[in-house]
Amino acid sequence: MAAYRQGTDNQAAQAKAERLIALFRIHGMTVPVHRSTLTSVLGDNGGPVCTHPASALTEALKDQQFTNGAATVGSRPIRSSQRFVAGEVLVLRVYCPQKLPAFEKYVNSQRYYAVVRG
């Protein structure tokens, strides 16, 4: 059974969502969802993104996501573009900046490839 608690939709949540959207645009990134979705998922405190952004489990799940997409024996780790974590860095910067240094330590410990298109 999974439980989900919707984020608080108040003036602070709307202001943070607008700030995040502006940061995405400033960094040349596509805003992945509508502002109302940001406020319902992230609320005014960052919701699930800010819960444990640099915990061992979160880091392991991120490491597992950076694979070639094959199943079982063919699965291999890959080096991805740093753009894969850039959006999360922006979310943490807006919603829980106190947790950003620990996450950046994890991000900086990874080796990334320069991607021509991405």
N, C-alpha and C. Protein backbone atom coordinates (compact mmCIF):
# COMPACT_ATOMS: atom_id res chain seq x y z
N MET A 1 0.84 -1.16 0.00
CA MET A 1 0.00 0.00 0.00
C MET A 1 0.89 1.24 0.00
N ALA A 2 0.56 2.17 -0.84
CA ALA A 2 1.31 3.43 -0.91
C ALA A 2 0.42 4.57 -0.45
N ALA A 3 1.02 5.49 0.26
CA ALA A 3 0.28 6.67 0.71
C ALA A 3 0.96 7.90 0.17
N TYR A 4 0.18 8.88 -0.19
CA TYR A 4 0.72 10.13 -0.72
C TYR A 4 0.00 11.28 -0.05
N ARG A 5 0.76 12.20 0.47
CA ARG A 5 0.18 13.39 1.08
C ARG A 5 0.39 14.56 0.13
N GLN A 6 -0.71 15.14 -0.31
CA GLN A 6 -0.63 16.26 -1.26
C GLN A 6 -0.02 17.47 -0.57
N GLY A 7 0.78 18.21 -1.32
CA GLY A 7 1.40 19.42 -0.79
C GLY A 7 0.39 20.51 -0.52
N THR A 8 0.74 21.39 0.37
CA THR A 8 -0.12 22.52 0.72
C THR A 8 -0.11 23.54 -0.40
N ASP A 9 -1.30 23.93 -0.85
CA ASP A 9 -1.40 24.94 -1.90
C ASP A 9 -1.74 26.27 -1.25
N ASN A 10 -0.71 27.02 -0.90
CA ASN A 10 -0.90 28.33 -0.29
C ASN A 10 -0.04 29.34 -1.03
N GLN A 11 -0.01 30.56 -0.54
CA GLN A 11 0.73 31.61 -1.22
C GLN A 11 2.23 31.30 -1.29
N ALA A 12 2.79 30.73 -0.22
CA ALA A 12 4.21 30.38 -0.20
C ALA A 12 4.51 29.30 -1.24
N ALA A 13 3.63 28.30 -1.35
CA ALA A 13 3.83 27.22 -2.32
C ALA A 13 3.76 27.76 -3.75
N GLN A 14 2.84 28.67 -4.00
CA GLN A 14 2.71 29.24 -5.34
C GLN A 14 3.92 30.10 -5.68
N ALA A 15 4.43 30.85 -4.69
CA ALA A 15 5.61 31.68 -4.93
C ALA A 15 6.84 30.82 -5.22
N LYS A 16 7.00 29.72 -4.49
CA LYS A 16 8.15 28.83 -4.72
C LYS A 16 8.03 28.14 -6.07
N ALA A 17 6.82 27.77 -6.44
CA ALA A 17 6.62 27.14 -7.76
C ALA A 17 6.99 28.13 -8.87
N GLU A 18 6.59 29.37 -8.73
CA GLU A 18 6.94 30.39 -9.73
C GLU A 18 8.46 30.59 -9.79
N ARG A 19 9.10 30.61 -8.62
CA ARG A 19 10.56 30.77 -8.59
C ARG A 19 11.25 29.59 -9.27
N LEU A 20 10.76 28.37 -9.01
CA LEU A 20 11.34 27.18 -9.63
C LEU A 20 11.17 27.23 -11.15
N ILE A 21 9.99 27.61 -11.60
CA ILE A 21 9.75 27.72 -13.04
C ILE A 21 10.71 28.72 -13.66
N ALA A 22 10.91 29.86 -12.99
CA ALA A 22 11.83 30.88 -13.49
C ALA A 22 13.25 30.33 -13.56
N LEU A 23 13.68 29.58 -12.54
CA LEU A 23 15.03 28.99 -12.55
C LEU A 23 15.20 27.98 -13.68
N PHE A 24 14.18 27.16 -13.91
CA PHE A 24 14.24 26.21 -15.02
C PHE A 24 14.45 26.96 -16.33
N ARG A 25 13.69 28.02 -16.52
CA ARG A 25 13.80 28.78 -17.78
C ARG A 25 15.14 29.49 -17.89
N ILE A 26 15.64 30.06 -16.79
CA ILE A 26 16.94 30.74 -16.81
C ILE A 26 18.05 29.77 -17.21
N HIS A 27 17.94 28.52 -16.75
CA HIS A 27 18.96 27.51 -17.05
C HIS A 27 18.71 26.78 -18.36
N GLY A 28 17.72 27.26 -19.14
CA GLY A 28 17.45 26.68 -20.45
C GLY A 28 16.83 25.30 -20.39
N MET A 29 16.12 25.03 -19.31
CA MET A 29 15.51 23.71 -19.14
C MET A 29 14.00 23.82 -19.36
N THR A 30 13.41 22.74 -19.84
CA THR A 30 11.97 22.68 -20.02
C THR A 30 11.31 22.49 -18.67
N VAL A 31 10.29 23.26 -18.40
CA VAL A 31 9.53 23.10 -17.15
C VAL A 31 8.70 21.83 -17.32
N PRO A 32 8.94 20.82 -16.47
CA PRO A 32 8.35 19.51 -16.71
C PRO A 32 6.84 19.41 -16.49
N VAL A 33 6.28 20.26 -15.63
CA VAL A 33 4.86 20.17 -15.32
C VAL A 33 4.28 21.57 -15.13
N HIS A 34 2.99 21.64 -15.05
CA HIS A 34 2.28 22.90 -14.83
C HIS A 34 2.49 23.37 -13.38
N ARG A 35 2.38 24.65 -13.15
CA ARG A 35 2.56 25.23 -11.82
C ARG A 35 1.64 24.59 -10.78
N SER A 36 0.40 24.30 -11.15
CA SER A 36 -0.53 23.69 -10.19
C SER A 36 -0.04 22.29 -9.77
N THR A 37 0.60 21.58 -10.67
CA THR A 37 1.15 20.27 -10.31
C THR A 37 2.33 20.43 -9.37
N LEU A 38 3.17 21.43 -9.62
CA LEU A 38 4.29 21.70 -8.70
C LEU A 38 3.79 21.99 -7.29
N THR A 39 2.76 22.83 -7.18
CA THR A 39 2.26 23.16 -5.86
C THR A 39 1.60 21.97 -5.18
N SER A 40 0.93 21.12 -5.95
CA SER A 40 0.27 19.97 -5.30
C SER A 40 1.27 18.88 -4.92
N VAL A 41 2.38 18.77 -5.64
CA VAL A 41 3.38 17.73 -5.31
C VAL A 41 4.40 18.25 -4.30
N LEU A 42 4.92 19.45 -4.54
CA LEU A 42 6.00 19.97 -3.69
C LEU A 42 5.50 20.84 -2.54
N GLY A 43 4.30 21.37 -2.65
CA GLY A 43 3.75 22.22 -1.59
C GLY A 43 4.65 23.40 -1.30
N ASP A 44 4.78 23.73 -0.02
CA ASP A 44 5.65 24.84 0.35
C ASP A 44 6.93 24.37 1.02
N ASN A 45 7.10 23.03 1.13
CA ASN A 45 8.30 22.51 1.81
C ASN A 45 9.12 21.53 0.96
N GLY A 46 8.75 21.35 -0.30
CA GLY A 46 9.50 20.45 -1.18
C GLY A 46 9.03 19.01 -1.17
N GLY A 47 8.12 18.69 -0.28
CA GLY A 47 7.53 17.35 -0.23
C GLY A 47 8.55 16.23 -0.27
N PRO A 48 8.31 15.23 -1.10
CA PRO A 48 9.18 14.05 -1.12
C PRO A 48 10.60 14.33 -1.61
N VAL A 49 10.80 15.38 -2.38
CA VAL A 49 12.14 15.69 -2.89
C VAL A 49 13.06 16.11 -1.74
N CYS A 50 12.50 16.82 -0.77
CA CYS A 50 13.31 17.34 0.33
C CYS A 50 13.34 16.40 1.54
N THR A 51 12.66 15.29 1.49
CA THR A 51 12.63 14.41 2.65
C THR A 51 14.01 13.89 3.00
N HIS A 52 14.66 13.20 2.09
CA HIS A 52 16.01 12.67 2.32
C HIS A 52 16.79 12.70 1.01
N PRO A 53 17.13 13.87 0.49
CA PRO A 53 17.75 13.93 -0.83
C PRO A 53 19.14 13.33 -0.93
N ALA A 54 19.84 13.18 0.19
CA ALA A 54 21.21 12.65 0.13
C ALA A 54 21.38 11.41 0.99
N SER A 55 20.28 10.70 1.25
CA SER A 55 20.40 9.48 2.06
C SER A 55 21.00 8.36 1.23
N ALA A 56 21.47 7.33 1.89
CA ALA A 56 22.10 6.21 1.19
C ALA A 56 21.11 5.54 0.24
N LEU A 57 19.86 5.40 0.65
CA LEU A 57 18.86 4.77 -0.22
C LEU A 57 18.61 5.62 -1.47
N THR A 58 18.48 6.91 -1.29
CA THR A 58 18.25 7.80 -2.43
C THR A 58 19.42 7.76 -3.40
N GLU A 59 20.64 7.79 -2.86
CA GLU A 59 21.82 7.73 -3.72
C GLU A 59 21.88 6.39 -4.47
N ALA A 60 21.55 5.30 -3.79
CA ALA A 60 21.56 3.99 -4.44
C ALA A 60 20.53 3.92 -5.56
N LEU A 61 19.35 4.49 -5.32
CA LEU A 61 18.32 4.50 -6.37
C LEU A 61 18.76 5.34 -7.56
N LYS A 62 19.41 6.46 -7.32
CA LYS A 62 19.91 7.28 -8.43
C LYS A 62 20.99 6.53 -9.20
N ASP A 63 21.89 5.88 -8.48
CA ASP A 63 22.94 5.10 -9.14
C ASP A 63 22.32 3.99 -10.00
N GLN A 64 21.26 3.38 -9.51
CA GLN A 64 20.59 2.31 -10.24
C GLN A 64 19.92 2.86 -11.51
N GLN A 65 19.48 4.10 -11.48
CA GLN A 65 18.81 4.68 -12.64
C GLN A 65 19.79 5.01 -13.76
N PHE A 66 21.05 5.18 -13.44
CA PHE A 66 22.05 5.49 -14.47
C PHE A 66 22.60 4.20 -15.05
N THR A 67 21.78 3.49 -15.79
CA THR A 67 22.20 2.25 -16.44
C THR A 67 21.83 2.32 -17.91
N ASN A 68 22.26 1.30 -18.65
CA ASN A 68 22.01 1.28 -20.09
C ASN A 68 20.59 0.86 -20.45
N GLY A 69 19.76 0.53 -19.48
CA GLY A 69 18.37 0.19 -19.76
C GLY A 69 18.12 -1.28 -20.01
N ALA A 70 19.16 -2.08 -20.05
CA ALA A 70 18.98 -3.52 -20.26
C ALA A 70 18.47 -4.17 -18.98
N ALA A 71 18.04 -5.40 -19.10
CA ALA A 71 17.56 -6.13 -17.94
C ALA A 71 18.55 -7.20 -17.53
N THR A 72 18.52 -7.60 -16.31
CA THR A 72 19.33 -8.67 -15.71
C THR A 72 20.80 -8.60 -16.11
N VAL A 73 21.30 -9.62 -16.80
CA VAL A 73 22.73 -9.73 -17.06
C VAL A 73 23.29 -8.62 -17.95
N GLY A 74 22.46 -8.06 -18.81
CA GLY A 74 22.94 -7.04 -19.74
C GLY A 74 23.00 -5.65 -19.14
N SER A 75 22.50 -5.48 -17.93
CA SER A 75 22.48 -4.15 -17.31
C SER A 75 23.88 -3.72 -16.92
N ARG A 76 24.25 -2.52 -17.34
CA ARG A 76 25.57 -1.97 -17.04
C ARG A 76 25.42 -0.53 -16.58
N PRO A 77 26.26 -0.10 -15.64
CA PRO A 77 26.22 1.31 -15.25
C PRO A 77 26.77 2.17 -16.38
N ILE A 78 26.27 3.38 -16.47
CA ILE A 78 26.75 4.31 -17.48
C ILE A 78 27.12 5.64 -16.80
N ARG A 79 27.83 6.45 -17.53
CA ARG A 79 28.03 7.83 -17.10
C ARG A 79 27.02 8.65 -17.86
N SER A 80 26.27 9.43 -17.14
CA SER A 80 25.24 10.24 -17.79
C SER A 80 25.67 11.70 -17.82
N SER A 81 24.83 12.51 -18.38
CA SER A 81 25.06 13.94 -18.38
C SER A 81 24.66 14.50 -17.02
N GLN A 82 25.35 15.53 -16.59
CA GLN A 82 25.02 16.15 -15.31
C GLN A 82 23.65 16.83 -15.36
N ARG A 83 23.11 17.02 -16.56
CA ARG A 83 21.78 17.61 -16.69
C ARG A 83 20.71 16.73 -16.07
N PHE A 84 20.99 15.43 -15.87
CA PHE A 84 20.00 14.55 -15.26
C PHE A 84 19.71 14.93 -13.82
N VAL A 85 20.65 15.54 -13.14
CA VAL A 85 20.43 15.93 -11.75
C VAL A 85 20.25 17.44 -11.60
N ALA A 86 20.39 18.19 -12.68
CA ALA A 86 20.30 19.65 -12.61
C ALA A 86 18.93 20.12 -12.12
N GLY A 87 17.88 19.46 -12.55
CA GLY A 87 16.53 19.84 -12.12
C GLY A 87 16.34 19.64 -10.63
N GLU A 88 16.85 18.54 -10.12
CA GLU A 88 16.72 18.28 -8.68
C GLU A 88 17.52 19.30 -7.87
N VAL A 89 18.67 19.68 -8.38
CA VAL A 89 19.46 20.71 -7.70
C VAL A 89 18.65 22.01 -7.60
N LEU A 90 17.95 22.37 -8.67
CA LEU A 90 17.14 23.59 -8.64
C LEU A 90 15.98 23.46 -7.66
N VAL A 91 15.35 22.29 -7.61
CA VAL A 91 14.25 22.08 -6.65
C VAL A 91 14.77 22.24 -5.23
N LEU A 92 15.91 21.62 -4.94
CA LEU A 92 16.48 21.72 -3.60
C LEU A 92 16.88 23.16 -3.28
N ARG A 93 17.38 23.89 -4.27
CA ARG A 93 17.77 25.28 -4.06
C ARG A 93 16.58 26.13 -3.63
N VAL A 94 15.41 25.85 -4.21
CA VAL A 94 14.22 26.65 -3.90
C VAL A 94 13.54 26.17 -2.62
N TYR A 95 13.35 24.86 -2.47
CA TYR A 95 12.50 24.35 -1.40
C TYR A 95 13.23 23.98 -0.11
N CYS A 96 14.45 23.52 -0.20
CA CYS A 96 15.18 23.13 1.02
C CYS A 96 16.68 23.36 0.83
N PRO A 97 17.09 24.62 0.75
CA PRO A 97 18.49 24.94 0.49
C PRO A 97 19.45 24.39 1.54
N GLN A 98 18.98 24.15 2.74
CA GLN A 98 19.85 23.60 3.79
C GLN A 98 20.28 22.17 3.48
N LYS A 99 19.55 21.47 2.62
CA LYS A 99 19.90 20.09 2.26
C LYS A 99 20.70 20.01 0.96
N LEU A 100 20.88 21.14 0.31
CA LEU A 100 21.59 21.18 -0.97
C LEU A 100 23.06 20.78 -0.86
N PRO A 101 23.82 21.22 0.14
CA PRO A 101 25.25 20.84 0.20
C PRO A 101 25.48 19.33 0.24
N ALA A 102 24.68 18.60 0.99
CA ALA A 102 24.85 17.14 1.05
C ALA A 102 24.55 16.50 -0.29
N PHE A 103 23.52 16.99 -0.98
CA PHE A 103 23.19 16.44 -2.29
C PHE A 103 24.28 16.80 -3.31
N GLU A 104 24.78 18.04 -3.25
CA GLU A 104 25.85 18.44 -4.17
C GLU A 104 27.12 17.63 -3.94
N LYS A 105 27.36 17.23 -2.70
CA LYS A 105 28.51 16.36 -2.42
C LYS A 105 28.36 15.04 -3.18
N TYR A 106 27.15 14.47 -3.17
CA TYR A 106 26.89 13.24 -3.92
C TYR A 106 27.05 13.50 -5.42
N VAL A 107 26.45 14.58 -5.91
CA VAL A 107 26.51 14.90 -7.35
C VAL A 107 27.95 15.09 -7.80
N ASN A 108 28.73 15.80 -7.00
CA ASN A 108 30.12 16.07 -7.38
C ASN A 108 31.02 14.83 -7.27
N SER A 109 30.56 13.80 -6.56
CA SER A 109 31.35 12.57 -6.46
C SER A 109 31.16 11.66 -7.68
N GLN A 110 30.18 11.98 -8.51
CA GLN A 110 29.90 11.18 -9.71
C GLN A 110 30.75 11.66 -10.86
N ARG A 111 30.95 10.78 -11.83
CA ARG A 111 31.66 11.17 -13.05
C ARG A 111 30.64 11.25 -14.17
N TYR A 112 30.64 12.36 -14.85
CA TYR A 112 29.65 12.61 -15.91
C TYR A 112 30.36 12.76 -17.24
N TYR A 113 29.61 12.46 -18.28
CA TYR A 113 30.09 12.69 -19.64
C TYR A 113 29.56 14.02 -20.14
N ALA A 114 30.34 14.67 -20.95
CA ALA A 114 29.85 15.86 -21.65
C ALA A 114 28.98 15.34 -22.79
N VAL A 115 27.75 15.77 -22.84
CA VAL A 115 26.82 15.30 -23.85
C VAL A 115 26.64 16.40 -24.88
N VAL A 116 26.78 16.03 -26.15
CA VAL A 116 26.68 17.02 -27.21
C VAL A 116 25.25 17.53 -27.32
N ARG A 117 24.29 16.63 -27.35
CA ARG A 117 22.87 17.01 -27.39
C ARG A 117 22.25 16.51 -26.11
N GLY A 118 21.49 17.34 -25.43
CA GLY A 118 20.87 16.85 -24.21
C GLY A 118 20.25 17.91 -23.49
